[in-house]
Amino acid sequence: MFSRLSRKKMSSNMKNMPEEKIPQPSFRWGYAVFVLFLLMFLGFVSVVIISLFTDVDVESLSGNVALISIDGIIAGSESDYLFETVSTSTDVIELIEKADKNSNIKAIIFEINSPGGSPVASEEIANAVLRTNKTTVAWIRDIGTSGAYWVASSSDHIVASRASITGSVGVIASYLEFPGLLEEYNITYRRLVAGKYKDIGSPFKEMTSEEKAIFQQMLDELREYFVSEVAKNRNMNKKDVDRIANGLFYLGSQAKELGLIDELGSKDEVIRYIEARESIKAEVVEYEKEKGFFEVLSEVTAKQSFFVGKGLGSAFFDRKKGSQPYIST
């Protein structure tokens, strides 16, 4: 009896209690979202830390065909170019050697989408491809020209789309000269050098005929070496390669007729070639550069900014710093 009266009294008191005194839940959706992101962040950090202290590679656990991308400009260092996609010879060679040491990997596919770049970096990658003990296939997608074609030529087999662009065997070192502009604005280039050719290629003065001849001789020698390497890699007559090594690019269909590639097609043709040659069912695993936590964060941040002034900035920063022209294949 007493308990019933007490409950009625308590119920009556609750009804008479002012609305503002009724306890409100302190939980808010904002806290839930914060906790969720915090857990995601901690999970990501944990994965990074574990990967740093373990010696297990994901690539070694699955797949029998390695896929290595050569995307963008081929260079010796990413610092050579700003705001451009770059494949450095150091990173690519590291992936090649990693795949070569993996006994599970039977073949390596090089997915190429590059206009070329540094002759030295291109040669370094091409030599690394030649050193492998695996079946190597170059798959040229949109573009695989100049130094990128040099790399492709060092593989066992080249597949390219009918509409892709390849070839462009040659060397370039063109640059801007503006001594007339300086003169127009009453600016003087005061030449102070210790060594006759120390400022050869300076944009602040007009190149002499002697200097031009020196540069042309260097470019001709580089081209000669480029042609020789392509001829050797492709088992072609050097004269045939020299005839088409005029710097002109070719569509995939034209490149096939000229002997620069082996087959027209896409990734499907690449896989079929590997399976037939190695008598395996191809399971492709992508090999890529391992990135640290802060590198991932910096890439995400970089992609969101710094593009407004790219047109102007690239004119000054895309090339190596210094007075000499930047030589590119």
Protein backbone atom coordinates (compact mmCIF):
# COMPACT_ATOMS: atom_id res chain seq x y z
CA MET A 1 0.00 0.00 0.00
CA PHE A 2 2.77 2.33 0.94
CA SER A 3 4.73 1.59 -2.23
CA ARG A 4 1.70 2.30 -4.43
CA LEU A 5 1.14 5.68 -2.73
CA SER A 6 4.84 6.48 -3.05
CA ARG A 7 4.85 5.71 -6.76
CA LYS A 8 1.75 7.86 -7.32
CA LYS A 9 3.35 10.69 -5.41
CA MET A 10 6.60 10.43 -7.35
CA SER A 11 4.67 10.34 -10.65
CA SER A 12 2.73 13.43 -9.61
CA ASN A 13 5.92 15.23 -8.65
CA MET A 14 7.49 14.39 -12.03
CA LYS A 15 4.48 15.85 -13.85
CA ASN A 16 4.68 19.02 -11.79
CA MET A 17 8.45 19.39 -12.28
CA PRO A 18 9.36 22.36 -14.51
CA GLU A 19 10.34 21.32 -18.01
CA GLU A 20 13.78 22.83 -17.76
CA LYS A 21 14.65 20.64 -14.78
CA ILE A 22 14.04 17.35 -16.62
CA PRO A 23 17.50 15.87 -17.33
CA GLN A 24 18.43 16.03 -21.01
CA PRO A 25 20.76 13.50 -22.65
CA SER A 26 24.25 14.93 -22.98
CA PHE A 27 25.12 12.71 -25.96
CA ARG A 28 25.51 14.55 -29.28
CA TRP A 29 26.15 13.28 -32.83
CA GLY A 30 29.19 15.51 -33.03
CA TYR A 31 30.90 13.43 -30.38
CA ALA A 32 30.08 10.24 -32.24
CA VAL A 33 31.61 11.55 -35.46
CA PHE A 34 34.69 12.72 -33.58
CA VAL A 35 35.16 9.33 -31.93
CA LEU A 36 34.67 7.57 -35.27
CA PHE A 37 37.35 9.65 -36.99
CA LEU A 38 39.65 9.25 -34.00
CA LEU A 39 39.34 5.47 -34.19
CA MET A 40 39.99 5.53 -37.94
CA PHE A 41 43.07 7.71 -37.42
CA LEU A 42 44.44 5.48 -34.67
CA GLY A 43 43.81 2.42 -36.83
CA PHE A 44 45.69 3.94 -39.74
CA VAL A 45 48.60 4.90 -37.49
CA SER A 46 48.67 1.38 -36.07
CA VAL A 47 48.90 -0.15 -39.55
CA VAL A 48 51.76 2.18 -40.47
CA ILE A 49 53.66 1.40 -37.26
CA ILE A 50 53.16 -2.35 -37.69
CA SER A 51 54.37 -2.17 -41.30
CA LEU A 52 57.51 -0.38 -40.16
CA PHE A 53 58.41 -3.09 -37.67
CA THR A 54 57.46 -6.16 -39.66
CA ASP A 55 59.37 -7.67 -42.53
CA VAL A 56 56.39 -9.09 -44.41
CA ASP A 57 55.54 -7.67 -47.82
CA VAL A 58 51.96 -7.87 -49.03
CA GLU A 59 53.23 -8.58 -52.54
CA SER A 60 55.04 -11.71 -51.38
CA LEU A 61 51.84 -13.23 -50.04
CA SER A 62 49.88 -13.31 -53.29
CA GLY A 63 50.25 -13.13 -57.05
CA ASN A 64 52.70 -14.58 -59.55
CA VAL A 65 52.95 -11.61 -61.96
CA ALA A 66 54.27 -8.24 -60.77
CA LEU A 67 52.87 -5.01 -62.20
CA ILE A 68 55.17 -1.98 -62.03
CA SER A 69 53.95 1.40 -63.26
CA ILE A 70 56.20 3.90 -65.02
CA ASP A 71 54.03 6.98 -65.02
CA GLY A 72 54.91 10.57 -65.87
CA ILE A 73 58.37 12.00 -66.43
CA ILE A 74 61.35 9.69 -65.90
CA ALA A 75 63.89 11.42 -63.69
CA GLY A 76 66.70 10.75 -61.28
CA SER A 77 64.92 12.60 -58.50
CA GLU A 78 61.44 13.94 -57.78
CA SER A 79 62.98 17.30 -56.90
CA ASP A 80 63.84 17.81 -60.59
CA TYR A 81 60.20 18.58 -61.30
CA LEU A 82 57.50 20.32 -59.29
CA PHE A 83 53.76 19.72 -59.74
CA GLU A 84 54.44 16.89 -62.21
CA THR A 85 53.99 13.14 -61.95
CA VAL A 86 57.47 11.62 -61.79
CA SER A 87 58.87 8.09 -61.88
CA THR A 88 62.36 8.09 -60.44
CA SER A 89 64.90 5.53 -61.55
CA THR A 90 65.73 4.76 -57.91
CA ASP A 91 62.14 3.83 -57.04
CA VAL A 92 61.50 1.83 -60.21
CA ILE A 93 64.76 -0.13 -59.94
CA GLU A 94 64.00 -0.93 -56.30
CA LEU A 95 60.65 -2.43 -57.32
CA ILE A 96 62.24 -4.38 -60.19
CA GLU A 97 64.83 -5.90 -57.89
CA LYS A 98 62.18 -6.67 -55.28
CA ALA A 99 60.07 -8.54 -57.83
CA ASP A 100 63.12 -10.30 -59.26
CA LYS A 101 64.06 -11.68 -55.84
CA ASN A 102 60.55 -13.01 -55.19
CA SER A 103 60.50 -16.67 -56.23
CA ASN A 104 56.70 -16.57 -56.56
CA ILE A 105 56.91 -13.96 -59.31
CA LYS A 106 57.24 -15.49 -62.78
CA ALA A 107 56.90 -12.36 -64.92
CA ILE A 108 56.93 -8.57 -64.64
CA ILE A 109 54.60 -6.20 -66.48
CA PHE A 110 55.72 -2.60 -66.97
CA GLU A 111 52.67 -0.40 -67.37
CA ILE A 112 54.07 2.62 -69.23
CA ASN A 113 52.40 5.98 -69.56
CA SER A 114 55.34 8.35 -69.91
CA PRO A 115 56.82 10.84 -72.41
CA GLY A 116 60.37 9.98 -71.32
CA GLY A 117 62.78 12.24 -69.50
CA SER A 118 66.37 12.01 -68.29
CA PRO A 119 68.66 9.92 -70.52
CA VAL A 120 70.61 8.69 -67.49
CA ALA A 121 67.50 7.69 -65.52
CA SER A 122 66.01 5.99 -68.58
CA GLU A 123 69.19 4.00 -69.17
CA GLU A 124 69.35 2.98 -65.51
CA ILE A 125 65.83 1.56 -65.61
CA ALA A 126 66.41 -0.14 -68.99
CA ASN A 127 69.54 -1.84 -67.66
CA ALA A 128 67.66 -3.01 -64.57
CA VAL A 129 65.01 -4.58 -66.82
CA LEU A 130 67.70 -6.38 -68.80
CA ARG A 131 69.24 -7.76 -65.59
CA THR A 132 66.07 -9.51 -64.42
CA ASN A 133 65.66 -13.27 -64.60
CA LYS A 134 61.91 -12.99 -65.19
CA THR A 135 59.81 -12.69 -68.31
CA THR A 136 59.32 -8.96 -68.87
CA VAL A 137 56.52 -7.31 -70.86
CA ALA A 138 56.11 -3.60 -71.57
CA TRP A 139 52.51 -2.46 -71.83
CA ILE A 140 52.32 0.99 -73.45
CA ARG A 141 49.00 2.63 -72.71
CA ASP A 142 48.47 6.25 -73.85
CA ILE A 143 52.10 7.19 -74.37
CA GLY A 144 55.51 5.54 -74.25
CA THR A 145 57.94 7.77 -76.09
CA SER A 146 61.62 8.70 -76.02
CA GLY A 147 63.23 7.52 -72.75
CA ALA A 148 60.07 5.58 -71.88
CA TYR A 149 60.35 3.70 -75.17
CA TRP A 150 64.02 3.03 -74.37
CA VAL A 151 62.81 1.27 -71.21
CA ALA A 152 60.11 -0.60 -73.14
CA SER A 153 62.61 -1.79 -75.75
CA SER A 154 64.63 -3.56 -73.05
CA SER A 155 61.72 -5.91 -72.23
CA ASP A 156 61.08 -9.30 -73.84
CA HIS A 157 57.79 -8.25 -75.43
CA ILE A 158 56.03 -4.93 -76.12
CA VAL A 159 52.26 -4.54 -76.33
CA ALA A 160 50.67 -1.20 -77.25
CA SER A 161 47.22 0.09 -78.06
CA ARG A 162 46.52 0.80 -81.70
CA ALA A 163 45.90 4.46 -80.77
CA SER A 164 48.80 4.85 -78.34
CA ILE A 165 51.82 7.06 -79.06
CA THR A 166 55.29 5.58 -79.02
CA GLY A 167 58.73 5.93 -80.59
CA SER A 168 60.09 9.50 -80.74
CA VAL A 169 63.66 8.21 -80.64
CA GLY A 170 65.82 11.30 -80.31
CA VAL A 171 67.30 13.85 -77.91
CA ILE A 172 66.29 17.42 -77.14
CA ALA A 173 68.03 20.25 -75.28
CA SER A 174 66.26 23.35 -76.56
CA TYR A 175 65.92 26.39 -74.31
CA LEU A 176 64.88 30.05 -74.30
CA GLU A 177 67.23 32.92 -75.04
CA PHE A 178 66.31 36.53 -74.25
CA PRO A 179 69.34 38.83 -74.53
CA GLY A 180 67.27 41.13 -76.79
CA LEU A 181 64.64 41.49 -74.08
CA LEU A 182 67.28 42.45 -71.54
CA GLU A 183 68.66 45.05 -73.92
CA GLU A 184 65.19 46.48 -74.50
CA TYR A 185 64.78 47.06 -70.78
CA ASN A 186 68.34 48.39 -70.41
CA ILE A 187 69.54 45.33 -68.48
CA THR A 188 73.14 44.24 -68.94
CA TYR A 189 74.45 40.70 -68.65
CA ARG A 190 77.90 41.15 -67.18
CA ARG A 191 79.86 38.08 -68.23
CA LEU A 192 82.33 36.98 -65.55
CA VAL A 193 83.60 33.43 -66.04
CA ALA A 194 86.73 31.42 -65.33
CA GLY A 195 86.69 28.99 -68.21
CA LYS A 196 85.77 29.75 -71.80
CA TYR A 197 82.61 27.66 -71.87
CA LYS A 198 81.48 28.04 -68.25
CA ASP A 199 78.32 29.94 -69.20
CA ILE A 200 77.57 27.98 -72.35
CA GLY A 201 73.82 27.77 -72.78
CA SER A 202 73.09 30.82 -70.65
CA PRO A 203 69.73 32.34 -71.63
CA PHE A 204 71.10 35.82 -70.98
CA LYS A 205 73.35 35.83 -74.03
CA GLU A 206 73.12 34.69 -77.63
CA MET A 207 74.73 31.32 -78.30
CA THR A 208 77.72 31.49 -80.60
CA SER A 209 78.09 29.22 -83.62
CA GLU A 210 80.94 27.42 -81.85
CA GLU A 211 78.82 26.79 -78.76
CA LYS A 212 75.94 25.57 -80.89
CA ALA A 213 78.28 23.12 -82.65
CA ILE A 214 79.45 21.77 -79.28
CA PHE A 215 75.90 21.19 -78.09
CA GLN A 216 74.88 19.59 -81.36
CA GLN A 217 77.82 17.19 -81.21
CA MET A 218 76.79 16.08 -77.71
CA LEU A 219 73.19 15.57 -78.78
CA ASP A 220 74.26 13.61 -81.85
CA GLU A 221 76.41 11.31 -79.70
CA LEU A 222 73.54 10.74 -77.26
CA ARG A 223 71.20 9.97 -80.15
CA GLU A 224 73.72 7.54 -81.62
CA TYR A 225 73.89 5.68 -78.31
CA PHE A 226 70.09 5.72 -77.98
CA VAL A 227 69.68 4.25 -81.47
CA SER A 228 72.29 1.56 -80.79
CA GLU A 229 70.57 0.48 -77.58
CA VAL A 230 67.14 0.28 -79.22
CA ALA A 231 68.56 -1.72 -82.14
CA LYS A 232 70.28 -4.14 -79.75
CA ASN A 233 67.24 -4.52 -77.50
CA ARG A 234 64.85 -5.04 -80.39
CA ASN A 235 67.19 -7.24 -82.46
CA MET A 236 66.85 -4.79 -85.34
CA ASN A 237 69.32 -3.59 -87.93
CA LYS A 238 70.87 -0.35 -86.67
CA LYS A 239 70.34 1.28 -90.06
CA ASP A 240 66.62 0.54 -89.88
CA VAL A 241 66.36 2.11 -86.43
CA ASP A 242 68.49 5.07 -87.52
CA ARG A 243 66.15 5.68 -90.42
CA ILE A 244 63.11 6.08 -88.17
CA ALA A 245 64.96 7.72 -85.26
CA ASN A 246 64.13 11.23 -86.39
CA GLY A 247 62.30 12.22 -83.21
CA LEU A 248 58.91 11.56 -84.79
CA PHE A 249 56.33 9.70 -82.71
CA TYR A 250 54.23 6.87 -84.13
CA LEU A 251 50.81 5.48 -83.43
CA GLY A 252 50.73 1.93 -82.13
CA SER A 253 49.59 0.59 -85.50
CA GLN A 254 52.51 2.35 -87.26
CA ALA A 255 54.98 1.21 -84.61
CA LYS A 256 53.92 -2.40 -85.20
CA GLU A 257 54.69 -2.11 -88.92
CA LEU A 258 58.07 -0.54 -88.16
CA GLY A 259 59.03 -3.27 -85.69
CA LEU A 260 59.09 -0.98 -82.66
CA ILE A 261 56.49 -3.09 -80.84
CA ASP A 262 55.50 -6.75 -81.00
CA GLU A 263 51.75 -6.76 -80.58
CA LEU A 264 48.71 -4.50 -80.66
CA GLY A 265 46.39 -4.82 -77.72
CA SER A 266 45.78 -4.11 -74.07
CA LYS A 267 46.33 -5.77 -70.71
CA ASP A 268 44.42 -8.83 -71.92
CA GLU A 269 47.03 -9.50 -74.62
CA VAL A 270 49.80 -8.97 -72.06
CA ILE A 271 48.26 -11.57 -69.75
CA ARG A 272 47.74 -14.05 -72.59
CA TYR A 273 51.38 -13.70 -73.67
CA ILE A 274 52.65 -14.33 -70.13
CA GLU A 275 50.35 -17.30 -69.53
CA ALA A 276 51.39 -18.91 -72.81
CA ARG A 277 55.09 -18.34 -72.21
CA GLU A 278 55.17 -19.35 -68.54
CA SER A 279 52.35 -21.95 -68.64
CA ILE A 280 50.65 -20.38 -65.63
CA LYS A 281 47.35 -18.81 -64.67
CA ALA A 282 48.39 -15.18 -64.21
CA GLU A 283 47.55 -13.52 -60.90
CA VAL A 284 48.68 -9.92 -61.11
CA VAL A 285 49.89 -8.08 -58.01
CA GLU A 286 50.82 -4.41 -58.12
CA TYR A 287 54.25 -3.41 -56.88
CA GLU A 288 54.48 0.18 -55.73
CA LYS A 289 56.68 2.36 -53.61
CA GLU A 290 56.03 2.00 -49.90
CA LYS A 291 54.91 5.30 -48.42
CA GLY A 292 55.29 6.49 -44.86
CA PHE A 293 52.49 8.04 -42.84
CA PHE A 294 53.65 11.62 -43.25
CA GLU A 295 54.30 11.12 -46.96
CA VAL A 296 50.70 10.00 -47.45
CA LEU A 297 49.42 13.03 -45.57
CA SER A 298 51.63 15.41 -47.54
CA GLU A 299 50.44 13.95 -50.86
CA VAL A 300 46.80 14.39 -49.91
CA THR A 301 47.48 17.99 -48.92
CA ALA A 302 49.55 18.77 -52.00
CA LYS A 303 46.84 17.59 -54.39
CA GLN A 304 44.43 20.13 -52.98
CA SER A 305 46.52 23.23 -53.68
CA PHE A 306 49.30 24.95 -55.60
CA PHE A 307 47.73 24.63 -59.06
CA VAL A 308 46.68 28.23 -59.66
CA GLY A 309 50.12 29.38 -60.70
CA LYS A 310 51.22 26.19 -62.41
CA GLY A 311 51.29 27.69 -65.89
CA LEU A 312 53.71 30.43 -64.89
CA GLY A 313 55.57 28.46 -62.26
CA SER A 314 56.31 25.48 -64.46
CA ALA A 315 58.28 27.70 -66.81
CA PHE A 316 60.72 28.43 -64.03
CA PHE A 317 60.72 25.28 -61.92
CA ASP A 318 60.05 22.33 -64.22
CA ARG A 319 63.64 22.27 -65.36
CA LYS A 320 66.84 21.70 -63.50
CA LYS A 321 68.22 24.83 -61.92
CA GLY A 322 71.31 26.21 -63.62
CA SER A 323 72.33 28.01 -66.76
CA GLN A 324 72.70 24.98 -69.04
CA PRO A 325 69.74 23.57 -71.04
CA TYR A 326 68.20 20.39 -69.64
CA ILE A 327 68.81 17.44 -71.94
CA SER A 328 65.89 15.06 -72.30
CA THR A 329 65.13 11.92 -74.27
